[in-house]
Protein backbone atom coordinates (compact mmCIF):
# COMPACT_ATOMS: atom_id res chain seq x y z
CA UNK A 1 -81.27 -287.15 -143.90
CA UNK A 2 -78.63 -286.85 -146.58
CA UNK A 3 -76.23 -289.58 -147.68
CA UNK A 4 -73.31 -288.15 -145.70
CA UNK A 5 -75.26 -288.31 -142.47
CA UNK A 6 -76.51 -291.82 -143.21
CA UNK A 7 -72.95 -293.04 -143.69
CA UNK A 8 -71.87 -291.46 -140.42
CA UNK A 9 -74.02 -293.96 -138.54
CA UNK A 10 -71.64 -296.74 -139.51
CA UNK A 11 -68.53 -295.19 -138.06
CA UNK A 12 -66.21 -298.20 -137.91
CA UNK A 13 -66.31 -299.13 -141.57
CA UNK A 14 -64.15 -297.68 -144.29
CA UNK A 15 -66.26 -296.19 -147.04
CA UNK A 16 -64.99 -298.24 -149.96
CA UNK A 17 -66.78 -297.66 -153.24
CA UNK A 18 -69.18 -300.17 -154.70
CA UNK A 19 -68.43 -299.05 -158.24
CA UNK A 20 -64.78 -300.11 -158.14
CA UNK A 21 -65.69 -303.66 -157.14
CA UNK A 22 -68.77 -304.12 -159.31
CA UNK A 23 -66.69 -304.37 -162.48
CA UNK A 24 -64.51 -307.20 -161.21
CA UNK A 25 -64.59 -310.64 -162.81
CA UNK A 26 -65.66 -312.18 -159.49
CA UNK A 27 -69.19 -310.78 -159.85
CA UNK A 28 -71.02 -313.80 -161.23
CA UNK A 29 -74.68 -314.34 -161.85
CA UNK A 30 -76.11 -317.29 -159.85
CA UNK A 31 -76.29 -319.44 -162.98
CA UNK A 32 -72.59 -318.87 -163.54
CA UNK A 33 -71.69 -321.03 -160.54
CA UNK A 34 -72.82 -324.14 -162.41
CA UNK A 35 -71.20 -323.06 -165.66
CA UNK A 36 -67.83 -322.56 -163.98
CA UNK A 37 -68.05 -325.74 -161.96
CA UNK A 38 -68.35 -323.89 -158.66
CA UNK A 39 -70.78 -324.90 -155.98
CA UNK A 40 -73.60 -322.66 -154.88
CA UNK A 41 -72.68 -320.31 -152.03
CA UNK A 42 -73.39 -321.31 -148.47
CA UNK A 43 -75.92 -318.95 -146.87
CA UNK A 44 -75.84 -318.05 -143.17
CA UNK A 45 -78.46 -315.73 -141.74
CA UNK A 46 -77.77 -314.61 -138.16
CA UNK A 47 -80.61 -312.88 -136.34
CA UNK A 48 -80.37 -311.27 -132.90
CA UNK A 49 -83.49 -310.76 -130.80
CA UNK A 50 -84.45 -307.17 -129.83
CA UNK A 51 -81.05 -305.74 -130.82
CA UNK A 52 -81.45 -302.05 -131.60
CA UNK A 53 -80.24 -300.09 -134.62
CA UNK A 54 -77.73 -298.34 -132.37
CA UNK A 55 -76.48 -301.34 -130.35
CA UNK A 56 -73.46 -302.10 -132.57
CA UNK A 57 -70.23 -300.16 -132.78
CA UNK A 58 -70.46 -300.02 -136.57
CA UNK A 59 -73.85 -298.32 -136.22
CA UNK A 60 -72.65 -295.72 -133.76
CA UNK A 61 -72.64 -297.52 -130.39
CA UNK A 62 -69.96 -295.98 -128.17
CA UNK A 63 -70.11 -298.14 -125.03
CA UNK A 64 -71.03 -301.75 -125.80
CA UNK A 65 -68.11 -303.63 -127.35
CA UNK A 66 -68.88 -305.47 -130.62
CA UNK A 67 -65.47 -305.86 -132.32
CA UNK A 68 -66.29 -309.03 -134.27
CA UNK A 69 -69.49 -307.70 -135.83
CA UNK A 70 -67.76 -304.38 -136.49
CA UNK A 71 -65.04 -306.33 -138.31
CA UNK A 72 -67.74 -308.11 -140.30
CA UNK A 73 -69.01 -304.68 -141.38
CA UNK A 74 -65.49 -303.62 -142.32
CA UNK A 75 -65.26 -306.70 -144.54
CA UNK A 76 -68.78 -306.36 -145.91
CA UNK A 77 -71.54 -303.86 -146.58
CA UNK A 78 -73.68 -302.21 -143.93
CA UNK A 79 -77.22 -301.15 -144.84
CA UNK A 80 -78.76 -298.05 -143.29
CA UNK A 81 -82.32 -298.63 -144.54
CA UNK A 82 -83.12 -302.31 -143.99
CA UNK A 83 -86.39 -303.14 -142.25
CA UNK A 84 -87.59 -306.01 -140.12
CA UNK A 85 -90.77 -307.80 -141.06
CA UNK A 86 -92.53 -306.47 -137.99
CA UNK A 87 -91.91 -304.74 -134.72
CA UNK A 88 -92.21 -307.97 -132.71
CA UNK A 89 -90.85 -311.47 -132.99
CA UNK A 90 -93.12 -314.00 -134.71
CA UNK A 91 -94.47 -311.93 -137.61
CA UNK A 92 -91.00 -310.59 -138.37
CA UNK A 93 -89.73 -314.15 -138.68
CA UNK A 94 -92.71 -315.17 -140.79
CA UNK A 95 -91.95 -312.39 -143.28
CA UNK A 96 -88.33 -313.53 -143.43
CA UNK A 97 -89.22 -317.18 -144.03
CA UNK A 98 -92.10 -316.74 -146.50
CA UNK A 99 -91.38 -313.56 -148.50
CA UNK A 100 -94.64 -311.81 -147.56
CA UNK A 101 -95.12 -308.56 -145.66
CA UNK A 102 -97.51 -308.44 -142.72
CA UNK A 103 -100.45 -307.49 -144.93
CA UNK A 104 -100.26 -310.94 -146.52
CA UNK A 105 -98.22 -313.08 -144.11
CA UNK A 106 -99.71 -316.08 -142.34
CA UNK A 107 -98.43 -314.86 -138.96
CA UNK A 108 -99.02 -311.19 -138.15
CA UNK A 109 -98.62 -311.18 -134.38
CA UNK A 110 -97.25 -313.17 -131.46
CA UNK A 111 -100.28 -315.45 -131.10
CA UNK A 112 -99.51 -319.16 -131.51
CA UNK A 113 -100.56 -319.48 -135.15
CA UNK A 114 -98.49 -322.03 -137.12
CA UNK A 115 -97.33 -321.95 -140.70
CA UNK A 116 -99.40 -324.32 -142.82
CA UNK A 117 -98.27 -327.09 -145.13
CA UNK A 118 -98.99 -324.97 -148.19
CA UNK A 119 -96.73 -322.16 -147.01
CA UNK A 120 -93.41 -322.13 -148.89
CA UNK A 121 -90.35 -321.19 -146.86
CA UNK A 122 -86.80 -320.18 -147.73
CA UNK A 123 -85.66 -323.52 -146.32
CA UNK A 124 -87.91 -325.49 -148.67
CA UNK A 125 -86.64 -323.59 -151.69
CA UNK A 126 -83.00 -324.09 -150.73
CA UNK A 127 -83.51 -327.74 -149.78
CA UNK A 128 -85.01 -328.38 -153.22
CA UNK A 129 -81.97 -326.63 -154.71
CA UNK A 130 -79.63 -329.12 -153.03
CA UNK A 131 -78.81 -327.33 -149.80
CA UNK A 132 -78.51 -328.87 -146.35
CA UNK A 133 -80.80 -326.73 -144.22
CA UNK A 134 -80.50 -326.08 -140.49
CA UNK A 135 -82.01 -323.75 -137.93
CA UNK A 136 -80.59 -323.12 -134.47
CA UNK A 137 -82.16 -320.85 -131.87
CA UNK A 138 -85.70 -319.45 -131.83
CA UNK A 139 -88.48 -320.34 -134.26
CA UNK A 140 -91.89 -319.02 -133.14
CA UNK A 141 -93.89 -320.21 -136.17
CA UNK A 142 -95.36 -323.51 -135.01
CA UNK A 143 -95.93 -325.52 -131.85
CA UNK A 144 -95.13 -329.24 -131.40
CA UNK A 145 -97.02 -331.60 -133.72
CA UNK A 146 -98.27 -328.79 -135.95
CA UNK A 147 -97.54 -328.08 -139.60
CA UNK A 148 -95.35 -325.20 -138.48
CA UNK A 149 -92.55 -327.27 -136.92
CA UNK A 150 -89.25 -326.42 -138.69
CA UNK A 151 -88.68 -330.02 -139.83
CA UNK A 152 -92.03 -329.80 -141.64
CA UNK A 153 -91.10 -326.47 -143.21
CA UNK A 154 -87.97 -327.47 -145.08
CA UNK A 155 -85.31 -327.72 -142.38
CA UNK A 156 -83.24 -330.88 -142.23
CA UNK A 157 -82.01 -330.05 -138.73
CA UNK A 158 -83.55 -328.03 -135.94
CA UNK A 159 -82.32 -327.20 -132.42
CA UNK A 160 -83.92 -324.61 -130.18
CA UNK A 161 -87.13 -323.07 -128.87
CA UNK A 162 -90.39 -323.55 -130.76
CA UNK A 163 -92.40 -321.16 -128.60
CA UNK A 164 -91.31 -317.53 -128.42
CA UNK A 165 -92.76 -317.23 -124.91
CA UNK A 166 -90.45 -319.98 -123.62
CA UNK A 167 -87.49 -318.73 -125.61
CA UNK A 168 -86.51 -316.09 -123.10
CA UNK A 169 -85.62 -318.40 -120.24
CA UNK A 170 -81.91 -318.73 -120.93
CA UNK A 171 -81.59 -321.72 -118.57
CA UNK A 172 -84.39 -324.01 -119.78
CA UNK A 173 -84.91 -327.63 -118.80
CA UNK A 174 -85.09 -328.56 -122.46
CA UNK A 175 -85.20 -327.29 -126.01
CA UNK A 176 -86.25 -329.11 -129.17
CA UNK A 177 -83.90 -331.19 -131.29
CA UNK A 178 -85.82 -331.92 -134.45
CA UNK A 179 -89.19 -333.14 -133.14
CA UNK A 180 -87.98 -334.48 -129.81
CA UNK A 181 -87.31 -332.73 -126.52
CA UNK A 182 -83.62 -332.35 -125.78
CA UNK A 183 -83.02 -332.17 -122.02
CA UNK A 184 -79.90 -330.41 -120.82
CA UNK A 185 -77.78 -332.49 -118.48
CA UNK A 186 -76.65 -329.52 -116.43
CA UNK A 187 -77.25 -325.83 -115.83
CA UNK A 188 -76.74 -324.71 -119.44
CA UNK A 189 -76.94 -321.21 -120.89
CA UNK A 190 -78.99 -321.82 -124.02
CA UNK A 191 -77.15 -319.22 -126.11
CA UNK A 192 -73.87 -321.10 -125.61
CA UNK A 193 -75.56 -324.33 -126.70
CA UNK A 194 -76.84 -322.59 -129.82
CA UNK A 195 -73.36 -321.47 -130.78
CA UNK A 196 -72.01 -325.00 -130.38
CA UNK A 197 -74.83 -326.44 -132.49
CA UNK A 198 -74.30 -323.84 -135.21
CA UNK A 199 -70.58 -324.55 -135.41
CA UNK A 200 -71.26 -328.29 -135.48
CA UNK A 201 -73.76 -327.86 -138.31
CA UNK A 202 -71.16 -326.00 -140.39
CA UNK A 203 -68.54 -328.68 -139.66
CA UNK A 204 -70.88 -331.49 -140.63
CA UNK A 205 -72.02 -329.85 -143.87
CA UNK A 206 -68.77 -328.30 -145.08
CA UNK A 207 -68.55 -330.47 -148.19
CA UNK A 208 -71.79 -329.31 -149.83
CA UNK A 209 -73.89 -326.13 -149.91
CA UNK A 210 -75.73 -325.35 -146.70
CA UNK A 211 -78.21 -322.82 -145.33
CA UNK A 212 -77.89 -322.03 -141.63
CA UNK A 213 -80.52 -319.85 -139.96
CA UNK A 214 -78.88 -318.93 -136.64
CA UNK A 215 -81.54 -317.10 -134.67
CA UNK A 216 -80.10 -316.08 -131.31
CA UNK A 217 -82.31 -314.97 -128.41
CA UNK A 218 -79.81 -312.34 -127.20
CA UNK A 219 -80.46 -309.64 -126.02
CA UNK A 220 -84.14 -310.37 -125.30
CA UNK A 221 -85.06 -310.07 -121.64
CA UNK A 222 -85.97 -313.04 -119.45
CA UNK A 223 -89.66 -312.57 -118.72
CA UNK A 224 -91.07 -316.01 -118.01
CA UNK A 225 -93.30 -316.87 -115.07
CA UNK A 226 -93.68 -313.30 -113.85
CA UNK A 227 -89.92 -312.89 -113.38
CA UNK A 228 -87.83 -310.38 -115.27
CA UNK A 229 -84.18 -309.73 -115.87
CA UNK A 230 -81.32 -309.86 -118.33
CA UNK A 231 -79.84 -313.35 -117.92
CA UNK A 232 -76.16 -313.90 -118.63
CA UNK A 233 -73.58 -316.13 -116.89
CA UNK A 234 -71.10 -313.29 -116.44
CA UNK A 235 -71.37 -309.52 -116.72
CA UNK A 236 -67.76 -309.20 -117.97
CA UNK A 237 -66.26 -307.08 -119.43
CA UNK A 238 -68.54 -304.60 -117.69
CA UNK A 239 -68.35 -305.88 -114.11
CA UNK A 240 -66.65 -302.77 -112.77
CA UNK A 241 -68.78 -300.23 -114.58
CA UNK A 242 -70.90 -297.94 -112.35
CA UNK A 243 -74.09 -298.97 -114.15
CA UNK A 244 -77.34 -300.61 -113.02
CA UNK A 245 -76.87 -304.36 -112.91
CA UNK A 246 -79.36 -305.06 -115.69
CA UNK A 247 -77.53 -302.59 -117.95
CA UNK A 248 -74.28 -304.46 -117.27
CA UNK A 249 -76.04 -307.71 -118.12
CA UNK A 250 -77.58 -306.27 -121.28
CA UNK A 251 -74.21 -305.11 -122.57
CA UNK A 252 -72.55 -308.39 -121.57
CA UNK A 253 -75.14 -310.37 -123.53
CA UNK A 254 -74.44 -308.42 -126.70
CA UNK A 255 -70.67 -308.72 -126.32
CA UNK A 256 -71.05 -312.46 -125.67
CA UNK A 257 -72.99 -312.84 -128.90
CA UNK A 258 -70.39 -310.76 -130.71
CA UNK A 259 -67.64 -313.12 -129.53
CA UNK A 260 -69.60 -316.10 -130.85
CA UNK A 261 -70.11 -314.45 -134.23
CA UNK A 262 -66.32 -314.17 -134.29
CA UNK A 263 -66.05 -317.92 -133.64
CA UNK A 264 -68.28 -318.59 -136.64
CA UNK A 265 -66.10 -316.54 -138.98
CA UNK A 266 -62.96 -318.18 -137.59
CA UNK A 267 -64.44 -321.61 -138.40
CA UNK A 268 -65.35 -320.57 -141.93
CA UNK A 269 -61.75 -319.52 -142.52
CA UNK A 270 -60.36 -322.68 -140.95
CA UNK A 271 -62.52 -324.83 -143.23
CA UNK A 272 -61.66 -322.71 -146.30
CA UNK A 273 -65.33 -321.81 -146.67
CA UNK A 274 -64.96 -318.09 -146.13
CA UNK A 275 -65.09 -317.04 -149.78
CA UNK A 276 -67.86 -319.55 -150.53
CA UNK A 277 -70.21 -318.24 -147.84
CA UNK A 278 -72.47 -315.20 -147.72
CA UNK A 279 -73.34 -314.18 -144.15
CA UNK A 280 -76.11 -311.80 -143.09
CA UNK A 281 -76.40 -310.29 -139.61
CA UNK A 282 -79.49 -308.44 -138.37
CA UNK A 283 -82.13 -308.19 -135.61
CA UNK A 284 -85.80 -309.17 -135.62
CA UNK A 285 -87.03 -305.74 -134.47
CA UNK A 286 -86.03 -302.70 -132.46
CA UNK A 287 -84.73 -302.57 -128.87
CA UNK A 288 -86.92 -303.45 -125.90
CA UNK A 289 -87.75 -301.86 -122.58
CA UNK A 290 -88.11 -305.09 -120.61
CA UNK A 291 -86.33 -306.96 -117.83
CA UNK A 292 -84.88 -303.80 -116.35
CA UNK A 293 -83.24 -302.75 -119.63
CA UNK A 294 -83.51 -299.10 -120.61
CA UNK A 295 -83.06 -298.47 -124.36
CA UNK A 296 -82.00 -294.90 -123.59
CA UNK A 297 -79.10 -296.00 -121.38
CA UNK A 298 -77.01 -297.14 -124.37
CA UNK A 299 -78.93 -295.12 -126.97
CA UNK A 300 -80.02 -298.45 -128.42
CA UNK A 301 -82.17 -297.01 -131.19
CA UNK A 302 -79.47 -294.56 -132.28
CA UNK A 303 -80.96 -291.60 -134.13
CA UNK A 304 -84.31 -293.29 -134.67
CA UNK A 305 -87.65 -292.70 -132.97
CA UNK A 306 -89.38 -295.52 -131.15
CA UNK A 307 -88.58 -299.02 -129.92
CA UNK A 308 -90.04 -302.52 -130.12
CA UNK A 309 -93.84 -302.43 -130.65
CA UNK A 310 -93.65 -299.11 -132.49
CA UNK A 311 -93.98 -298.72 -136.25
CA UNK A 312 -91.72 -295.70 -136.15
CA UNK A 313 -88.21 -296.25 -137.49
CA UNK A 314 -86.74 -297.34 -134.15
CA UNK A 315 -89.18 -300.26 -133.97
CA UNK A 316 -88.66 -301.66 -137.46
CA UNK A 317 -85.42 -300.30 -139.00
CA UNK A 318 -82.67 -302.74 -138.01
CA UNK A 319 -78.94 -303.19 -138.51
CA UNK A 320 -78.15 -305.31 -141.54
CA UNK A 321 -74.66 -306.36 -142.54
CA UNK A 322 -73.87 -308.65 -145.47
CA UNK A 323 -70.43 -310.17 -146.00
CA UNK A 324 -69.17 -312.30 -148.90
CA UNK A 325 -65.45 -311.84 -149.59
CA UNK A 326 -64.70 -310.96 -153.19
CA UNK A 327 -68.37 -310.50 -154.09
CA UNK A 328 -69.84 -307.97 -151.66
CA UNK A 329 -67.90 -304.73 -151.36
CA UNK A 330 -65.79 -304.44 -148.22
CA UNK A 331 -66.22 -301.41 -145.97
CA UNK A 332 -69.16 -300.08 -147.96
CA UNK A 333 -72.36 -298.45 -146.74
CA UNK A 334 -75.60 -298.69 -148.70
CA UNK A 335 -78.87 -296.80 -148.31
CA UNK A 336 -80.74 -299.37 -150.42
CA UNK A 337 -84.27 -299.70 -149.01
CA UNK A 338 -85.28 -303.31 -148.42
CA UNK A 339 -87.05 -305.54 -145.91
CA UNK A 340 -87.09 -309.06 -144.51
CA UNK A 341 -89.55 -310.29 -147.13
CA UNK A 342 -86.82 -309.68 -149.71
CA UNK A 343 -84.63 -312.42 -148.23
CA UNK A 344 -86.57 -315.33 -149.76
CA UNK A 345 -86.18 -314.20 -153.40
CA UNK A 346 -82.60 -313.12 -152.68
CA UNK A 347 -81.68 -316.54 -151.30
CA UNK A 348 -83.47 -318.24 -154.18
CA UNK A 349 -81.43 -316.25 -156.72
CA UNK A 350 -78.22 -317.01 -154.85
CA UNK A 351 -79.04 -320.71 -155.13
CA UNK A 352 -80.08 -320.51 -158.77
CA UNK A 353 -83.63 -321.44 -157.74
CA UNK A 354 -87.02 -319.94 -158.50
CA UNK A 355 -88.95 -317.96 -155.87
CA UNK A 356 -92.70 -318.61 -155.68
CA UNK A 357 -94.87 -316.26 -157.70
CA UNK A 358 -96.84 -313.59 -155.91
CA UNK A 359 -94.53 -312.97 -152.95
CA UNK A 360 -94.00 -309.39 -151.81
CA UNK A 361 -90.21 -309.64 -151.82
CA UNK A 362 -87.72 -308.64 -154.50
CA UNK A 363 -84.28 -310.20 -154.87
CA UNK A 364 -81.68 -307.84 -153.44
CA UNK A 365 -78.75 -309.71 -154.99
CA UNK A 366 -77.98 -306.84 -157.40
CA UNK A 367 -77.75 -304.37 -154.51
CA UNK A 368 -75.58 -306.79 -152.55
CA UNK A 369 -73.22 -307.02 -155.52
CA UNK A 370 -73.19 -303.26 -156.10
CA UNK A 371 -75.28 -303.39 -159.28
CA UNK A 372 -78.43 -301.48 -160.31
CA UNK A 373 -81.37 -302.64 -158.21
CA UNK A 374 -85.11 -302.73 -158.76
CA UNK A 375 -86.83 -300.84 -155.94
CA UNK A 376 -90.11 -301.41 -154.14
CA UNK A 377 -92.98 -299.09 -154.92
CA UNK A 378 -93.64 -299.22 -151.18
CA UNK A 379 -93.08 -301.22 -148.00
CA UNK A 380 -96.06 -302.02 -145.76
CA UNK A 381 -96.46 -303.07 -142.12
CA UNK A 382 -99.37 -303.74 -139.80
CA UNK A 383 -99.27 -304.50 -136.10
CA UNK A 384 -102.04 -305.72 -133.78
CA UNK A 385 -101.37 -304.95 -130.13
CA UNK A 386 -103.30 -302.21 -128.33
CA UNK A 387 -105.48 -301.96 -131.42
CA UNK A 388 -104.20 -302.14 -134.99
CA UNK A 389 -101.52 -299.91 -136.48
CA UNK A 390 -100.25 -299.51 -140.04
CA UNK A 391 -97.22 -297.96 -141.70
CA UNK A 392 -95.96 -297.44 -145.24
CA UNK A 393 -92.62 -296.35 -146.61
CA UNK A 394 -92.91 -294.96 -150.15
CA UNK A 395 -89.60 -293.61 -151.40
CA UNK A 396 -88.43 -291.23 -148.71
CA UNK A 397 -91.97 -290.72 -147.40
CA UNK A 398 -93.14 -292.59 -144.29
CA UNK A 399 -96.78 -292.78 -143.26
CA UNK A 400 -97.86 -294.05 -139.84
CA UNK A 401 -101.46 -294.61 -138.77
CA UNK A 402 -101.72 -295.41 -135.08
CA UNK A 403 -104.42 -296.42 -134.30
CA UNK A 404 -106.15 -297.28 -137.58
CA UNK A 405 -109.01 -294.88 -136.89
CA UNK A 406 -106.59 -292.04 -136.22
CA UNK A 407 -105.12 -289.50 -138.64
CA UNK A 408 -102.22 -290.46 -140.87
CA UNK A 409 -98.87 -289.05 -139.78
CA UNK A 410 -96.42 -288.21 -142.56
CA UNK A 411 -92.64 -287.91 -142.30
CA UNK A 412 -89.91 -287.01 -144.80
CA UNK A 413 -87.19 -289.56 -143.98
CA UNK A 414 -84.66 -287.90 -146.27
CA UNK A 415 -84.63 -284.78 -144.11
CA UNK A 416 -86.14 -286.10 -140.88
CA UNK A 417 -85.03 -289.68 -140.23
CA UNK A 418 -85.92 -289.29 -136.56
CA UNK A 419 -89.59 -288.64 -137.47
CA UNK A 420 -89.86 -285.47 -135.39
CA UNK A 421 -92.04 -283.40 -137.76
CA UNK A 422 -95.45 -284.62 -138.88
CA UNK A 423 -95.97 -282.79 -142.17
CA UNK A 424 -99.23 -284.47 -143.27
CA UNK A 425 -101.06 -281.15 -143.56
CA UNK A 426 -98.41 -279.85 -145.98
CA UNK A 427 -98.65 -282.75 -148.46
CA UNK A 428 -102.29 -283.86 -148.88
CA UNK A 429 -101.49 -285.55 -152.21
CA UNK A 430 -98.86 -287.80 -150.56
CA UNK A 431 -101.22 -288.56 -147.68
CA UNK A 432 -103.91 -289.58 -150.17
CA UNK A 433 -101.51 -291.89 -152.02
CA UNK A 434 -100.34 -293.59 -148.81
CA UNK A 435 -103.94 -293.98 -147.64
CA UNK A 436 -104.71 -295.74 -150.93
CA UNK A 437 -101.77 -298.09 -150.34
CA UNK A 438 -102.89 -298.79 -146.77
CA UNK A 439 -106.38 -299.70 -147.96
CA UNK A 440 -105.16 -302.07 -150.69
CA UNK A 441 -101.93 -303.59 -149.36
CA UNK A 442 -103.50 -306.23 -147.14
CA UNK A 443 -105.80 -309.23 -147.21
CA UNK A 444 -108.09 -310.09 -144.32
CA UNK A 445 -106.83 -312.51 -141.70
CA UNK A 446 -109.14 -314.16 -139.19
CA UNK A 447 -106.54 -314.02 -136.44
CA UNK A 448 -105.64 -310.36 -136.94
CA UNK A 449 -108.62 -308.24 -138.02
CA UNK A 450 -108.10 -304.49 -138.10
CA UNK A 451 -109.33 -303.05 -134.81
CA UNK A 452 -109.32 -299.51 -133.40
CA UNK A 453 -107.59 -298.84 -130.12
CA UNK A 454 -109.84 -299.75 -127.19
């Protein structure tokens, strides 16, 4: 797919040039903040749950209303080639927090395996750099009284669901507040509580640098206790649409989240923090087919093949918008290839801190600021449901092996982003190179051994 077609996916953003902004005096290296007496930038990372590449207006969605996030894209840069850590929840979040891809990450699937004390997270790095650190929403990397609890992984404040299985009941009896259960006093929609907590955290920490990891559960389906559905208090503004009820609910959830993202930006402006804060918005993996939701109804994966639990593009390529007024180009679109494991070194560089040695990530701060960027030799994924599956992106080449004892499929993403033509037999030398990467890009993990499909 050529650059013109890539840019067309983000239809609500003006295509401002990065070059014009990159020469401005406001582009400072992280160390320059201290030299000029300016504080380190606040960092907010907003993550939706099972939001597809095509679920936002700025990525081509024509039905679901997302004006606030679209406005964020118009004021920031949208990335067409950003990848989640995995195609399901917990490992994707582990990659984000620790800087490792799923060939090296502690957590490579949705089993209840906690982070260990020796694991270094983004929150620990930023806390050591003087940041107040908070997480609101869904964690999935450690159960109560384990080393994986957020407060034991660098977060000063924590409010939400520890267990990803419980996280999809939007009307829970309780969530966790730090290491204690927080019982709701009334019938409370958890997403609304998360928004309030996030805004409160910003208010309380406005006078010093902060890192907020706001990890919403929308639009994941409710699938607890054998029940399924798309839970939302109100299906407005879609109540009168002639759609299946769960499609109305699905759209209403996304628009509700969009409204709350707008509240966050309004607060940043009210507190005069807007220009001191870099905000990321993304999703943990591709769209789901759960709870009565049909990803085809709203074309949730856009032009991409596959959904959640696939290692095709639709399962792992996610929307990514970054906004930082005066630093990140407004209305720009970038085809920079990067992945969740790049966030840790990026955040470290933003804070003027040092990332741990040996991580798989690369700081993407140059790309965010419109400057020349070091690229990955390759990106690697593995996934362990229904047997093991592996994928590699190397330049514009994409290799998928599913299952691991099957033949390698090869796609040319430059000319076939939808992965419709397996051209492995035409490029044996590329297949050989990707097979070499697949065999060397991982370390063994007792919880997730490579297994053929049963």
